[in-house]
Amino acid sequence: MPMLRGLTLLLIAQALGEALVRLTHAPLPGPVLGLLLMLAALRWAPLRDTVQPAAEGLLAHLSLLFVPVGVGVMTHLHLIGEFGVRLLLVVVLSTGLGLAVTAWVLRAFLARETRG
């Protein structure tokens, strides 16, 4: 039963995010806004304790979420054969760019923390 309460709260946060995006025409997906709302709400300990069993249950089965991706890759194998080198290049460059931006932001935060 505790996991069901946590899943309900997660779905409510997602629905709230979706509703806010539709009302405000915000330029981001509703689930992302719901995630940000949940992140802010998790500062409240009773809510955190309620959501924790659901989060742990979902994380325990996280690998199942990759099955559809694997099926999609197998379905479009001919496209990977045709565009594989370009896809690999894009993945490597975007990963490197993401790591570089993350390192830059971390350095900025650490520098700000040492000054303040």
PDB file of N, CA and C in Angstrom:
ATOM      1  N   MET A   1       0.803  -1.204   0.000  1.00  0.00           N
ATOM      2  CA  MET A   1       0.000   0.000   0.000  1.00  0.00           C
ATOM      3  C   MET A   1       0.848   1.272   0.000  1.00  0.00           C
ATOM      4  N   PRO A   2       1.993   1.306   0.715  1.00  0.00           N
ATOM      5  CA  PRO A   2       2.808   2.537   0.698  1.00  0.00           C
ATOM      6  C   PRO A   2       3.305   2.879  -0.708  1.00  0.00           C
ATOM      7  N   MET A   3       3.616   1.830  -1.505  1.00  0.00           N
ATOM      8  CA  MET A   3       4.096   2.103  -2.858  1.00  0.00           C
ATOM      9  C   MET A   3       2.999   2.740  -3.705  1.00  0.00           C
ATOM     10  N   LEU A   4       1.765   2.321  -3.488  1.00  0.00           N
ATOM     11  CA  LEU A   4       0.641   2.877  -4.245  1.00  0.00           C
ATOM     12  C   LEU A   4       0.429   4.355  -3.918  1.00  0.00           C
ATOM     13  N   ARG A   5       0.593   4.712  -2.650  1.00  0.00           N
ATOM     14  CA  ARG A   5       0.478   6.128  -2.269  1.00  0.00           C
ATOM     15  C   ARG A   5       1.567   6.965  -2.943  1.00  0.00           C
ATOM     16  N   GLY A   6       2.788   6.429  -2.942  1.00  0.00           N
ATOM     17  CA  GLY A   6       3.890   7.145  -3.572  1.00  0.00           C
ATOM     18  C   GLY A   6       3.691   7.308  -5.073  1.00  0.00           C
ATOM     19  N   LEU A   7       3.242   6.236  -5.740  1.00  0.00           N
ATOM     20  CA  LEU A   7       2.968   6.331  -7.181  1.00  0.00           C
ATOM     21  C   LEU A   7       1.862   7.341  -7.462  1.00  0.00           C
ATOM     22  N   THR A   8       0.860   7.376  -6.589  1.00  0.00           N
ATOM     23  CA  THR A   8      -0.223   8.349  -6.752  1.00  0.00           C
ATOM     24  C   THR A   8       0.314   9.767  -6.675  1.00  0.00           C
ATOM     25  N   LEU A   9       1.193  10.020  -5.714  1.00  0.00           N
ATOM     26  CA  LEU A   9       1.772  11.364  -5.588  1.00  0.00           C
ATOM     27  C   LEU A   9       2.641  11.716  -6.787  1.00  0.00           C
ATOM     28  N   LEU A  10       3.387  10.739  -7.296  1.00  0.00           N
ATOM     29  CA  LEU A  10       4.201  10.993  -8.494  1.00  0.00           C
ATOM     30  C   LEU A  10       3.323  11.326  -9.696  1.00  0.00           C
ATOM     31  N   LEU A  11       2.233  10.592  -9.853  1.00  0.00           N
ATOM     32  CA  LEU A  11       1.319  10.859 -10.971  1.00  0.00           C
ATOM     33  C   LEU A  11       0.593  12.192 -10.807  1.00  0.00           C
ATOM     34  N   ILE A  12       0.273  12.555  -9.575  1.00  0.00           N
ATOM     35  CA  ILE A  12      -0.356  13.858  -9.336  1.00  0.00           C
ATOM     36  C   ILE A  12       0.605  14.983  -9.713  1.00  0.00           C
ATOM     37  N   ALA A  13       1.888  14.830  -9.351  1.00  0.00           N
ATOM     38  CA  ALA A  13       2.877  15.848  -9.716  1.00  0.00           C
ATOM     39  C   ALA A  13       3.000  15.954 -11.232  1.00  0.00           C
ATOM     40  N   GLN A  14       2.983  14.821 -11.918  1.00  0.00           N
ATOM     41  CA  GLN A  14       3.062  14.845 -13.379  1.00  0.00           C
ATOM     42  C   GLN A  14       1.818  15.518 -13.972  1.00  0.00           C
ATOM     43  N   ALA A  15       0.643  15.185 -13.440  1.00  0.00           N
ATOM     44  CA  ALA A  15      -0.594  15.792 -13.933  1.00  0.00           C
ATOM     45  C   ALA A  15      -0.614  17.296 -13.677  1.00  0.00           C
ATOM     46  N   LEU A  16      -0.136  17.717 -12.509  1.00  0.00           N
ATOM     47  CA  LEU A  16      -0.057  19.153 -12.218  1.00  0.00           C
ATOM     48  C   LEU A  16       0.881  19.861 -13.194  1.00  0.00           C
ATOM     49  N   GLY A  17       2.020  19.241 -13.459  1.00  0.00           N
ATOM     50  CA  GLY A  17       2.956  19.817 -14.421  1.00  0.00           C
ATOM     51  C   GLY A  17       2.326  19.930 -15.799  1.00  0.00           C
ATOM     52  N   GLU A  18       1.628  18.888 -16.221  1.00  0.00           N
ATOM     53  CA  GLU A  18       0.958  18.905 -17.527  1.00  0.00           C
ATOM     54  C   GLU A  18      -0.106  20.001 -17.585  1.00  0.00           C
ATOM     55  N   ALA A  19      -0.878  20.119 -16.510  1.00  0.00           N
ATOM     56  CA  ALA A  19      -1.918  21.149 -16.468  1.00  0.00           C
ATOM     57  C   ALA A  19      -1.312  22.553 -16.505  1.00  0.00           C
ATOM     58  N   LEU A  20      -0.249  22.768 -15.747  1.00  0.00           N
ATOM     59  CA  LEU A  20       0.395  24.090 -15.735  1.00  0.00           C
ATOM     60  C   LEU A  20       0.978  24.448 -17.099  1.00  0.00           C
ATOM     61  N   VAL A  21       1.569  23.477 -17.763  1.00  0.00           N
ATOM     62  CA  VAL A  21       2.127  23.738 -19.094  1.00  0.00           C
ATOM     63  C   VAL A  21       1.022  24.108 -20.069  1.00  0.00           C
ATOM     64  N   ARG A  22      -0.095  23.396 -19.993  1.00  0.00           N
ATOM     65  CA  ARG A  22      -1.201  23.695 -20.909  1.00  0.00           C
ATOM     66  C   ARG A  22      -1.837  25.051 -20.600  1.00  0.00           C
ATOM     67  N   LEU A  23      -1.912  25.401 -19.321  1.00  0.00           N
ATOM     68  CA  LEU A  23      -2.504  26.687 -18.954  1.00  0.00           C
ATOM     69  C   LEU A  23      -1.596  27.858 -19.291  1.00  0.00           C
ATOM     70  N   THR A  24      -0.309  27.698 -19.064  1.00  0.00           N
ATOM     71  CA  THR A  24       0.624  28.801 -19.247  1.00  0.00           C
ATOM     72  C   THR A  24       1.355  28.777 -20.588  1.00  0.00           C
ATOM     73  N   HIS A  25       1.169  27.709 -21.357  1.00  0.00           N
ATOM     74  CA  HIS A  25       1.875  27.532 -22.634  1.00  0.00           C
ATOM     75  C   HIS A  25       3.391  27.620 -22.442  1.00  0.00           C
ATOM     76  N   ALA A  26       3.856  27.063 -21.333  1.00  0.00           N
ATOM     77  CA  ALA A  26       5.293  27.055 -21.039  1.00  0.00           C
ATOM     78  C   ALA A  26       6.031  26.196 -22.075  1.00  0.00           C
ATOM     79  N   PRO A  27       7.240  26.595 -22.445  1.00  0.00           N
ATOM     80  CA  PRO A  27       7.968  25.878 -23.505  1.00  0.00           C
ATOM     81  C   PRO A  27       8.754  24.664 -22.991  1.00  0.00           C
ATOM     82  N   LEU A  28       8.129  23.846 -22.147  1.00  0.00           N
ATOM     83  CA  LEU A  28       8.786  22.634 -21.695  1.00  0.00           C
ATOM     84  C   LEU A  28       7.725  21.559 -21.480  1.00  0.00           C
ATOM     85  N   PRO A  29       8.117  20.307 -21.505  1.00  0.00           N
ATOM     86  CA  PRO A  29       7.134  19.231 -21.333  1.00  0.00           C
ATOM     87  C   PRO A  29       6.511  19.234 -19.938  1.00  0.00           C
ATOM     88  N   GLY A  30       5.260  18.851 -19.870  1.00  0.00           N
ATOM     89  CA  GLY A  30       4.551  18.793 -18.601  1.00  0.00           C
ATOM     90  C   GLY A  30       5.214  17.896 -17.566  1.00  0.00           C
ATOM     91  N   PRO A  31       5.666  16.690 -17.962  1.00  0.00           N
ATOM     92  CA  PRO A  31       6.332  15.844 -16.966  1.00  0.00           C
ATOM     93  C   PRO A  31       7.598  16.477 -16.386  1.00  0.00           C
ATOM     94  N   VAL A  32       8.291  17.299 -17.161  1.00  0.00           N
ATOM     95  CA  VAL A  32       9.489  17.963 -16.642  1.00  0.00           C
ATOM     96  C   VAL A  32       9.095  18.984 -15.578  1.00  0.00           C
ATOM     97  N   LEU A  33       8.041  19.742 -15.847  1.00  0.00           N
ATOM     98  CA  LEU A  33       7.566  20.698 -14.845  1.00  0.00           C
ATOM     99  C   LEU A  33       7.050  19.962 -13.621  1.00  0.00           C
ATOM    100  N   GLY A  34       6.369  18.838 -13.820  1.00  0.00           N
ATOM    101  CA  GLY A  34       5.923  18.017 -12.695  1.00  0.00           C
ATOM    102  C   GLY A  34       7.086  17.516 -11.873  1.00  0.00           C
ATOM    103  N   LEU A  35       8.163  17.136 -12.552  1.00  0.00           N
ATOM    104  CA  LEU A  35       9.366  16.686 -11.852  1.00  0.00           C
ATOM    105  C   LEU A  35       9.945  17.819 -11.014  1.00  0.00           C
ATOM    106  N   LEU A  36       9.967  19.015 -11.553  1.00  0.00           N
ATOM    107  CA  LEU A  36      10.477  20.164 -10.795  1.00  0.00           C
ATOM    108  C   LEU A  36       9.587  20.472  -9.596  1.00  0.00           C
ATOM    109  N   LEU A  37       8.272  20.337  -9.777  1.00  0.00           N
ATOM    110  CA  LEU A  37       7.356  20.527  -8.653  1.00  0.00           C
ATOM    111  C   LEU A  37       7.609  19.478  -7.569  1.00  0.00           C
ATOM    112  N   MET A  38       7.799  18.224  -8.003  1.00  0.00           N
ATOM    113  CA  MET A  38       8.065  17.156  -7.039  1.00  0.00           C
ATOM    114  C   MET A  38       9.392  17.389  -6.330  1.00  0.00           C
ATOM    115  N   LEU A  39      10.383  17.857  -7.079  1.00  0.00           N
ATOM    116  CA  LEU A  39      11.681  18.140  -6.469  1.00  0.00           C
ATOM    117  C   LEU A  39      11.543  19.178  -5.356  1.00  0.00           C
ATOM    118  N   ALA A  40      10.763  20.215  -5.625  1.00  0.00           N
ATOM    119  CA  ALA A  40      10.541  21.236  -4.591  1.00  0.00           C
ATOM    120  C   ALA A  40       9.743  20.663  -3.422  1.00  0.00           C
ATOM    121  N   ALA A  41       8.757  19.825  -3.711  1.00  0.00           N
ATOM    122  CA  ALA A  41       7.903  19.265  -2.656  1.00  0.00           C
ATOM    123  C   ALA A  41       8.648  18.248  -1.796  1.00  0.00           C
ATOM    124  N   LEU A  42       9.689  17.629  -2.340  1.00  0.00           N
ATOM    125  CA  LEU A  42      10.417  16.611  -1.587  1.00  0.00           C
ATOM    126  C   LEU A  42      11.232  17.188  -0.427  1.00  0.00           C
ATOM    127  N   ARG A  43      11.269  18.493  -0.319  1.00  0.00           N
ATOM    128  CA  ARG A  43      11.939  19.107   0.835  1.00  0.00           C
ATOM    129  C   ARG A  43      11.111  18.884   2.109  1.00  0.00           C
ATOM    130  N   TRP A  44       9.843  18.546   1.926  1.00  0.00           N
ATOM    131  CA  TRP A  44       8.942  18.285   3.048  1.00  0.00           C
ATOM    132  C   TRP A  44       9.056  16.808   3.410  1.00  0.00           C
ATOM    133  N   ALA A  45       9.536  16.499   4.602  1.00  0.00           N
ATOM    134  CA  ALA A  45       9.865  15.127   5.014  1.00  0.00           C
ATOM    135  C   ALA A  45       8.691  14.142   4.924  1.00  0.00           C
ATOM    136  N   PRO A  46       7.470  14.498   5.352  1.00  0.00           N
ATOM    137  CA  PRO A  46       6.374  13.518   5.241  1.00  0.00           C
ATOM    138  C   PRO A  46       6.107  13.093   3.786  1.00  0.00           C
ATOM    139  N   LEU A  47       6.225  14.023   2.863  1.00  0.00           N
ATOM    140  CA  LEU A  47       6.022  13.682   1.457  1.00  0.00           C
ATOM    141  C   LEU A  47       7.171  12.799   0.972  1.00  0.00           C
ATOM    142  N   ARG A  48       8.368  13.129   1.375  1.00  0.00           N
ATOM    143  CA  ARG A  48       9.548  12.344   0.989  1.00  0.00           C
ATOM    144  C   ARG A  48       9.413  10.902   1.474  1.00  0.00           C
ATOM    145  N   ASP A  49       8.941  10.719   2.699  1.00  0.00           N
ATOM    146  CA  ASP A  49       8.764   9.374   3.246  1.00  0.00           C
ATOM    147  C   ASP A  49       7.668   8.602   2.518  1.00  0.00           C
ATOM    148  N   THR A  50       6.676   9.304   1.995  1.00  0.00           N
ATOM    149  CA  THR A  50       5.596   8.650   1.266  1.00  0.00           C
ATOM    150  C   THR A  50       6.033   8.233  -0.131  1.00  0.00           C
ATOM    151  N   VAL A  51       6.834   9.055  -0.778  1.00  0.00           N
ATOM    152  CA  VAL A  51       7.253   8.786  -2.159  1.00  0.00           C
ATOM    153  C   VAL A  51       8.405   7.776  -2.214  1.00  0.00           C
ATOM    154  N   GLN A  52       9.182   7.661  -1.160  1.00  0.00           N
ATOM    155  CA  GLN A  52      10.383   6.814  -1.176  1.00  0.00           C
ATOM    156  C   GLN A  52      10.117   5.364  -1.574  1.00  0.00           C
ATOM    157  N   PRO A  53       9.089   4.671  -1.046  1.00  0.00           N
ATOM    158  CA  PRO A  53       8.886   3.278  -1.465  1.00  0.00           C
ATOM    159  C   PRO A  53       8.598   3.145  -2.966  1.00  0.00           C
ATOM    160  N   ALA A  54       7.852   4.083  -3.510  1.00  0.00           N
ATOM    161  CA  ALA A  54       7.559   4.035  -4.945  1.00  0.00           C
ATOM    162  C   ALA A  54       8.812   4.292  -5.762  1.00  0.00           C
ATOM    163  N   ALA A  55       9.613   5.244  -5.331  1.00  0.00           N
ATOM    164  CA  ALA A  55      10.843   5.559  -6.056  1.00  0.00           C
ATOM    165  C   ALA A  55      11.800   4.373  -6.024  1.00  0.00           C
ATOM    166  N   GLU A  56      11.925   3.738  -4.877  1.00  0.00           N
ATOM    167  CA  GLU A  56      12.816   2.579  -4.780  1.00  0.00           C
ATOM    168  C   GLU A  56      12.310   1.428  -5.637  1.00  0.00           C
ATOM    169  N   GLY A  57      10.995   1.229  -5.655  1.00  0.00           N
ATOM    170  CA  GLY A  57      10.417   0.175  -6.495  1.00  0.00           C
ATOM    171  C   GLY A  57      10.640   0.432  -7.971  1.00  0.00           C
ATOM    172  N   LEU A  58      10.471   1.680  -8.387  1.00  0.00           N
ATOM    173  CA  LEU A  58      10.702   2.022  -9.798  1.00  0.00           C
ATOM    174  C   LEU A  58      12.175   1.882 -10.167  1.00  0.00           C
ATOM    175  N   LEU A  59      13.044   2.315  -9.285  1.00  0.00           N
ATOM    176  CA  LEU A  59      14.476   2.210  -9.566  1.00  0.00           C
ATOM    177  C   LEU A  59      14.942   0.760  -9.636  1.00  0.00           C
ATOM    178  N   ALA A  60      14.312  -0.109  -8.862  1.00  0.00           N
ATOM    179  CA  ALA A  60      14.690  -1.522  -8.885  1.00  0.00           C
ATOM    180  C   ALA A  60      14.406  -2.154 -10.250  1.00  0.00           C
ATOM    181  N   HIS A  61      13.429  -1.597 -10.976  1.00  0.00           N
ATOM    182  CA  HIS A  61      13.047  -2.145 -12.274  1.00  0.00           C
ATOM    183  C   HIS A  61      13.356  -1.180 -13.418  1.00  0.00           C
ATOM    184  N   LEU A  62      14.296  -0.293 -13.201  1.00  0.00           N
ATOM    185  CA  LEU A  62      14.642   0.716 -14.196  1.00  0.00           C
ATOM    186  C   LEU A  62      15.105   0.107 -15.514  1.00  0.00           C
ATOM    187  N   SER A  63      15.788  -1.012 -15.443  1.00  0.00           N
ATOM    188  CA  SER A  63      16.307  -1.627 -16.674  1.00  0.00           C
ATOM    189  C   SER A  63      15.190  -2.024 -17.629  1.00  0.00           C
ATOM    190  N   LEU A  64      13.988  -2.287 -17.129  1.00  0.00           N
ATOM    191  CA  LEU A  64      12.873  -2.639 -18.009  1.00  0.00           C
ATOM    192  C   LEU A  64      12.495  -1.490 -18.941  1.00  0.00           C
ATOM    193  N   LEU A  65      12.800  -0.260 -18.545  1.00  0.00           N
ATOM    194  CA  LEU A  65      12.462   0.884 -19.381  1.00  0.00           C
ATOM    195  C   LEU A  65      13.326   0.942 -20.639  1.00  0.00           C
ATOM    196  N   PHE A  66      14.427   0.194 -20.665  1.00  0.00           N
ATOM    197  CA  PHE A  66      15.285   0.193 -21.835  1.00  0.00           C
ATOM    198  C   PHE A  66      14.861  -0.835 -22.874  1.00  0.00           C
ATOM    199  N   VAL A  67      13.912  -1.701 -22.551  1.00  0.00           N
ATOM    200  CA  VAL A  67      13.457  -2.721 -23.500  1.00  0.00           C
ATOM    201  C   VAL A  67      12.846  -2.083 -24.749  1.00  0.00           C
ATOM    202  N   PRO A  68      11.946  -1.104 -24.627  1.00  0.00           N
ATOM    203  CA  PRO A  68      11.397  -0.505 -25.849  1.00  0.00           C
ATOM    204  C   PRO A  68      12.465   0.133 -26.741  1.00  0.00           C
ATOM    205  N   VAL A  69      13.477   0.717 -26.128  1.00  0.00           N
ATOM    206  CA  VAL A  69      14.563   1.317 -26.907  1.00  0.00           C
ATOM    207  C   VAL A  69      15.297   0.235 -27.682  1.00  0.00           C
ATOM    208  N   GLY A  70      15.576  -0.873 -27.044  1.00  0.00           N
ATOM    209  CA  GLY A  70      16.247  -1.982 -27.724  1.00  0.00           C
ATOM    210  C   GLY A  70      15.427  -2.540 -28.864  1.00  0.00           C
ATOM    211  N   VAL A  71      14.131  -2.639 -28.657  1.00  0.00           N
ATOM    212  CA  VAL A  71      13.250  -3.119 -29.731  1.00  0.00           C
ATOM    213  C   VAL A  71      13.231  -2.123 -30.880  1.00  0.00           C
ATOM    214  N   GLY A  72      13.206  -0.839 -30.553  1.00  0.00           N
ATOM    215  CA  GLY A  72      13.241   0.182 -31.601  1.00  0.00           C
ATOM    216  C   GLY A  72      14.518   0.130 -32.411  1.00  0.00           C
ATOM    217  N   VAL A  73      15.628  -0.096 -31.749  1.00  0.00           N
ATOM    218  CA  VAL A  73      16.907  -0.206 -32.456  1.00  0.00           C
ATOM    219  C   VAL A  73      16.877  -1.404 -33.391  1.00  0.00           C
ATOM    220  N   MET A  74      16.377  -2.522 -32.916  1.00  0.00           N
ATOM    221  CA  MET A  74      16.327  -3.723 -33.751  1.00  0.00           C
ATOM    222  C   MET A  74      15.361  -3.548 -34.921  1.00  0.00           C
ATOM    223  N   THR A  75      14.297  -2.804 -34.708  1.00  0.00           N
ATOM    224  CA  THR A  75      13.319  -2.574 -35.766  1.00  0.00           C
ATOM    225  C   THR A  75      13.907  -1.708 -36.875  1.00  0.00           C
ATOM    226  N   HIS A  76      14.734  -0.759 -36.522  1.00  0.00           N
ATOM    227  CA  HIS A  76      15.296   0.182 -37.496  1.00  0.00           C
ATOM    228  C   HIS A  76      16.781  -0.057 -37.718  1.00  0.00           C
ATOM    229  N   LEU A  77      17.182  -1.299 -37.724  1.00  0.00           N
ATOM    230  CA  LEU A  77      18.584  -1.645 -37.895  1.00  0.00           C
ATOM    231  C   LEU A  77      19.144  -1.152 -39.223  1.00  0.00           C
ATOM    232  N   HIS A  78      18.306  -1.123 -40.255  1.00  0.00           N
ATOM    233  CA  HIS A  78      18.769  -0.641 -41.560  1.00  0.00           C
ATOM    234  C   HIS A  78      19.175   0.832 -41.502  1.00  0.00           C
ATOM    235  N   LEU A  79      18.481   1.618 -40.681  1.00  0.00           N
ATOM    236  CA  LEU A  79      18.844   3.040 -40.536  1.00  0.00           C
ATOM    237  C   LEU A  79      20.173   3.195 -39.804  1.00  0.00           C
ATOM    238  N   ILE A  80      20.409   2.319 -38.851  1.00  0.00           N
ATOM    239  CA  ILE A  80      21.686   2.372 -38.140  1.00  0.00           C
ATOM    240  C   ILE A  80      22.813   2.008 -39.089  1.00  0.00           C
ATOM    241  N   GLY A  81      22.561   1.044 -39.972  1.00  0.00           N
ATOM    242  CA  GLY A  81      23.574   0.705 -40.970  1.00  0.00           C
ATOM    243  C   GLY A  81      23.861   1.866 -41.904  1.00  0.00           C
ATOM    244  N   GLU A  82      22.813   2.613 -42.235  1.00  0.00           N
ATOM    245  CA  GLU A  82      22.967   3.733 -43.169  1.00  0.00           C
ATOM    246  C   GLU A  82      23.557   4.977 -42.511  1.00  0.00           C
ATOM    247  N   PHE A  83      23.093   5.274 -41.301  1.00  0.00           N
ATOM    248  CA  PHE A  83      23.505   6.520 -40.633  1.00  0.00           C
ATOM    249  C   PHE A  83      24.315   6.275 -39.368  1.00  0.00           C
ATOM    250  N   GLY A  84      24.818   5.065 -39.165  1.00  0.00           N
ATOM    251  CA  GLY A  84      25.474   4.692 -37.916  1.00  0.00           C
ATOM    252  C   GLY A  84      26.658   5.560 -37.542  1.00  0.00           C
ATOM    253  N   VAL A  85      27.513   5.875 -38.524  1.00  0.00           N
ATOM    254  CA  VAL A  85      28.704   6.682 -38.223  1.00  0.00           C
ATOM    255  C   VAL A  85      28.296   8.084 -37.792  1.00  0.00           C
ATOM    256  N   ARG A  86      27.318   8.648 -38.481  1.00  0.00           N
ATOM    257  CA  ARG A  86      26.853   9.994 -38.109  1.00  0.00           C
ATOM    258  C   ARG A  86      26.182   9.988 -36.738  1.00  0.00           C
ATOM    259  N   LEU A  87      25.379   8.934 -36.478  1.00  0.00           N
ATOM    260  CA  LEU A  87      24.741   8.822 -35.165  1.00  0.00           C
ATOM    261  C   LEU A  87      25.786   8.715 -34.052  1.00  0.00           C
ATOM    262  N   LEU A  88      26.791   7.899 -34.291  1.00  0.00           N
ATOM    263  CA  LEU A  88      27.853   7.738 -33.302  1.00  0.00           C
ATOM    264  C   LEU A  88      28.571   9.063 -33.059  1.00  0.00           C
ATOM    265  N   LEU A  89      28.835   9.797 -34.128  1.00  0.00           N
ATOM    266  CA  LEU A  89      29.494  11.090 -34.001  1.00  0.00           C
ATOM    267  C   LEU A  89      28.646  12.060 -33.180  1.00  0.00           C
ATOM    268  N   VAL A  90      27.354  12.091 -33.465  1.00  0.00           N
ATOM    269  CA  VAL A  90      26.456  12.992 -32.727  1.00  0.00           C
ATOM    270  C   VAL A  90      26.396  12.600 -31.255  1.00  0.00           C
ATOM    271  N   VAL A  91      26.304  11.301 -30.970  1.00  0.00           N
ATOM    272  CA  VAL A  91      26.238  10.845 -29.580  1.00  0.00           C
ATOM    273  C   VAL A  91      27.518  11.210 -28.838  1.00  0.00           C
ATOM    274  N   VAL A  92      28.666  10.977 -29.458  1.00  0.00           N
ATOM    275  CA  VAL A  92      29.946  11.274 -28.802  1.00  0.00           C
ATOM    276  C   VAL A  92      30.103  12.776 -28.578  1.00  0.00           C
ATOM    277  N   LEU A  93      29.791  13.575 -29.602  1.00  0.00           N
ATOM    278  CA  LEU A  93      29.929  15.028 -29.453  1.00  0.00           C
ATOM    279  C   LEU A  93      28.956  15.598 -28.420  1.00  0.00           C
ATOM    280  N   SER A  94      27.702  15.138 -28.445  1.00  0.00           N
ATOM    281  CA  SER A  94      26.736  15.675 -27.482  1.00  0.00           C
ATOM    282  C   SER A  94      27.069  15.240 -26.062  1.00  0.00           C
ATOM    283  N   THR A  95      27.588  14.028 -25.899  1.00  0.00           N
ATOM    284  CA  THR A  95      28.007  13.584 -24.570  1.00  0.00           C
ATOM    285  C   THR A  95      29.187  14.424 -24.081  1.00  0.00           C
ATOM    286  N   GLY A  96      30.148  14.652 -24.946  1.00  0.00           N
ATOM    287  CA  GLY A  96      31.287  15.489 -24.578  1.00  0.00           C
ATOM    288  C   GLY A  96      30.866  16.902 -24.237  1.00  0.00           C
ATOM    289  N   LEU A  97      29.956  17.452 -25.022  1.00  0.00           N
ATOM    290  CA  LEU A  97      29.458  18.800 -24.749  1.00  0.00           C
ATOM    291  C   LEU A  97      28.719  18.837 -23.413  1.00  0.00           C
ATOM    292  N   GLY A  98      27.896  17.832 -23.145  1.00  0.00           N
ATOM    293  CA  GLY A  98      27.179  17.767 -21.871  1.00  0.00           C
ATOM    294  C   GLY A  98      28.128  17.674 -20.691  1.00  0.00           C
ATOM    295  N   LEU A  99      29.176  16.867 -20.828  1.00  0.00           N
ATOM    296  CA  LEU A  99      30.173  16.757 -19.763  1.00  0.00           C
ATOM    297  C   LEU A  99      30.915  18.073 -19.560  1.00  0.00           C
ATOM    298  N   ALA A 100      31.256  18.739 -20.659  1.00  0.00           N
ATOM    299  CA  ALA A 100      31.976  20.007 -20.550  1.00  0.00           C
ATOM    300  C   ALA A 100      31.121  21.073 -19.871  1.00  0.00           C
ATOM    301  N   VAL A 101      29.852  21.154 -20.246  1.00  0.00           N
ATOM    302  CA  VAL A 101      28.959  22.146 -19.624  1.00  0.00           C
ATOM    303  C   VAL A 101      28.764  21.831 -18.148  1.00  0.00           C
ATOM    304  N   THR A 102      28.607  20.547 -17.824  1.00  0.00           N
ATOM    305  CA  THR A 102      28.451  20.147 -16.427  1.00  0.00           C
ATOM    306  C   THR A 102      29.686  20.521 -15.609  1.00  0.00           C
ATOM    307  N   ALA A 103      30.865  20.271 -16.155  1.00  0.00           N
ATOM    308  CA  ALA A 103      32.104  20.622 -15.461  1.00  0.00           C
ATOM    309  C   ALA A 103      32.213  22.129 -15.283  1.00  0.00           C
ATOM    310  N   TRP A 104      31.829  22.885 -16.301  1.00  0.00           N
ATOM    311  CA  TRP A 104      31.893  24.344 -16.230  1.00  0.00           C
ATOM    312  C   TRP A 104      30.950  24.872 -15.155  1.00  0.00           C
ATOM    313  N   VAL A 105      29.724  24.331 -15.104  1.00  0.00           N
ATOM    314  CA  VAL A 105      28.755  24.763 -14.090  1.00  0.00           C
ATOM    315  C   VAL A 105      29.240  24.384 -12.692  1.00  0.00           C
ATOM    316  N   LEU A 106      29.793  23.187 -12.550  1.00  0.00           N
ATOM    317  CA  LEU A 106      30.315  22.766 -11.251  1.00  0.00           C
ATOM    318  C   LEU A 106      31.449  23.681 -10.800  1.00  0.00           C
ATOM    319  N   ARG A 107      32.345  24.008 -11.711  1.00  0.00           N
ATOM    320  CA  ARG A 107      33.441  24.926 -11.359  1.00  0.00           C
ATOM    321  C   ARG A 107      32.910  26.280 -10.919  1.00  0.00           C
ATOM    322  N   ALA A 108      31.889  26.770 -11.643  1.00  0.00           N
ATOM    323  CA  ALA A 108      31.313  28.068 -11.287  1.00  0.00           C
ATOM    324  C   ALA A 108      30.688  28.022  -9.897  1.00  0.00           C
ATOM    325  N   PHE A 109      29.960  26.947  -9.592  1.00  0.00           N
ATOM    326  CA  PHE A 109      29.349  26.826  -8.269  1.00  0.00           C
ATOM    327  C   PHE A 109      30.396  26.677  -7.185  1.00  0.00           C
ATOM    328  N   LEU A 110      31.420  25.889  -7.430  1.00  0.00           N
ATOM    329  CA  LEU A 110      32.469  25.716  -6.426  1.00  0.00           C
ATOM    330  C   LEU A 110      33.229  27.011  -6.189  1.00  0.00           C
ATOM    331  N   ALA A 111      33.492  27.755  -7.250  1.00  0.00           N
ATOM    332  CA  ALA A 111      34.187  29.040  -7.102  1.00  0.00           C
ATOM    333  C   ALA A 111      33.319  30.015  -6.312  1.00  0.00           C
ATOM    334  N   ARG A 112      32.030  30.014  -6.585  1.00  0.00           N
ATOM    335  CA  ARG A 112      31.116  30.891  -5.866  1.00  0.00           C
ATOM    336  C   ARG A 112      31.028  30.513  -4.402  1.00  0.00           C
ATOM    337  N   GLU A 113      31.066  29.211  -4.131  1.00  0.00           N
ATOM    338  CA  GLU A 113      30.976  28.733  -2.749  1.00  0.00           C
ATOM    339  C   GLU A 113      32.218  29.099  -1.952  1.00  0.00           C
ATOM    340  N   THR A 114      33.394  29.016  -2.579  1.00  0.00           N
ATOM    341  CA  THR A 114      34.624  29.343  -1.861  1.00  0.00           C
ATOM    342  C   THR A 114      34.744  30.844  -1.614  1.00  0.00           C
ATOM    343  N   ARG A 115      34.185  31.656  -2.500  1.00  0.00           N
ATOM    344  CA  ARG A 115      34.214  33.103  -2.299  1.00  0.00           C
ATOM    345  C   ARG A 115      33.249  33.545  -1.232  1.00  0.00           C
ATOM    346  N   GLY A 116      32.072  32.885  -1.176  1.00  0.00           N
ATOM    347  CA  GLY A 116      31.016  33.334  -0.264  1.00  0.00           C
ATOM    348  C   GLY A 116      31.082  32.646   0.996  1.00  0.00           C
TER     349      GLY A 116
END
